[in-house]
Amino acid sequence: MSEPKKDAPRRYIMDGAGQRVLVGLTLSETIEFENLESVEVRSQGTDLLANESGIRQHKHDERWLELYVKHEQAWSNWMAETRARLTPHVLN
């Protein structure tokens, strides 16, 4: 399995309030995800335990991954449901 990439295509939908959100995420999670994605790496090549900004960046990366996985799972489920509705059922 390949690692998720931060430049992967985003999949937005309109929520119940008419706001654009990532599939599977709330509005606040979508905003948080986008903000985390815009954070630049400040501690490249440094020991995370020796560098406070490195620890902060590591936590940002963990949260970004958590939200990405939540979105990706919801997207995969949505795509499977869509394919199931569109695929004619064959009876034997």
Protein backbone atom coordinates (compact mmCIF):
# COMPACT_ATOMS: atom_id res chain seq x y z
CA MET A 1 0.00 0.00 0.00
CA SER A 2 1.39 3.38 -0.89
CA GLU A 3 1.54 6.27 1.53
CA PRO A 4 -1.03 9.04 1.13
CA LYS A 5 0.34 12.10 -0.59
CA LYS A 6 -0.46 15.62 0.48
CA ASP A 7 -1.03 16.56 -3.14
CA ALA A 8 -3.73 13.91 -3.67
CA PRO A 9 -6.94 15.15 -5.29
CA ARG A 10 -9.54 16.42 -2.87
CA ARG A 11 -13.13 15.29 -2.99
CA TYR A 12 -15.59 17.90 -1.80
CA ILE A 13 -19.34 17.75 -1.32
CA MET A 14 -21.94 20.18 -0.01
CA ASP A 15 -22.99 19.47 3.57
CA GLY A 16 -26.52 19.90 4.94
CA ALA A 17 -25.91 23.62 5.47
CA GLY A 18 -24.69 24.08 1.89
CA GLN A 19 -21.02 24.43 2.85
CA ARG A 20 -18.23 22.77 0.88
CA VAL A 21 -16.59 19.99 2.93
CA LEU A 22 -14.37 17.00 2.25
CA VAL A 23 -16.31 13.73 2.07
CA GLY A 24 -16.44 12.18 5.54
CA LEU A 25 -15.28 15.32 7.36
CA THR A 26 -17.23 18.03 9.14
CA LEU A 27 -16.77 21.68 8.22
CA SER A 28 -14.43 22.23 11.17
CA GLU A 29 -12.41 19.11 10.26
CA THR A 30 -12.19 20.26 6.64
CA ILE A 31 -10.87 23.65 7.74
CA GLU A 32 -8.41 21.99 10.15
CA PHE A 33 -7.22 19.60 7.41
CA GLU A 34 -6.65 22.45 4.97
CA ASN A 35 -4.80 24.48 7.61
CA LEU A 36 -2.59 21.52 8.55
CA GLU A 37 -1.85 20.94 4.91
CA SER A 38 -0.60 24.50 4.52
CA VAL A 39 1.83 24.25 7.47
CA GLU A 40 5.41 24.22 6.19
CA VAL A 41 7.91 21.74 7.58
CA ARG A 42 10.06 23.73 9.99
CA SER A 43 12.24 21.00 11.40
CA GLN A 44 13.56 18.95 8.51
CA GLY A 45 16.36 16.63 9.52
CA THR A 46 16.22 17.38 13.25
CA ASP A 47 15.59 15.14 16.22
CA LEU A 48 11.92 15.56 17.16
CA LEU A 49 12.63 15.18 20.86
CA ALA A 50 15.28 17.88 20.80
CA ASN A 51 13.26 20.46 18.93
CA GLU A 52 9.95 21.90 20.15
CA SER A 53 8.91 22.99 16.67
CA GLY A 54 9.75 19.49 15.45
CA ILE A 55 7.44 17.97 18.05
CA ARG A 56 4.71 20.42 17.03
CA GLN A 57 5.23 19.52 13.35
CA HIS A 58 5.09 15.81 14.19
CA LYS A 59 1.73 16.32 15.95
CA HIS A 60 0.47 18.31 12.95
CA ASP A 61 1.50 15.45 10.67
CA GLU A 62 -0.25 12.88 12.88
CA ARG A 63 -3.49 14.90 12.93
CA TRP A 64 -3.27 15.49 9.15
CA LEU A 65 -2.93 11.73 8.64
CA GLU A 66 -5.85 11.01 10.99
CA LEU A 67 -8.12 13.37 9.04
CA TYR A 68 -6.82 12.11 5.69
CA VAL A 69 -7.57 8.48 6.64
CA LYS A 70 -11.07 9.42 7.83
CA HIS A 71 -11.71 11.21 4.53
CA GLU A 72 -10.20 8.42 2.42
CA GLN A 73 -12.28 5.73 4.12
CA ALA A 74 -15.48 7.74 3.65
CA TRP A 75 -14.58 8.37 0.00
CA SER A 76 -13.88 4.68 -0.63
CA ASN A 77 -17.19 3.69 0.97
CA TRP A 78 -19.06 6.32 -1.04
CA MET A 79 -17.45 5.13 -4.28
CA ALA A 80 -18.29 1.48 -3.50
CA GLU A 81 -21.91 2.38 -2.77
CA THR A 82 -22.10 4.42 -5.97
CA ARG A 83 -20.67 1.57 -8.06
CA ALA A 84 -23.09 -0.90 -6.44
CA ARG A 85 -26.05 1.30 -7.39
CA LEU A 86 -24.82 1.76 -10.95
CA THR A 87 -23.75 -1.83 -11.63
CA PRO A 88 -26.58 -4.01 -12.94
CA HIS A 89 -27.09 -7.09 -10.79
CA VAL A 90 -26.62 -10.35 -12.64
CA LEU A 91 -28.70 -13.29 -11.47
CA ASN A 92 -27.52 -16.83 -12.09
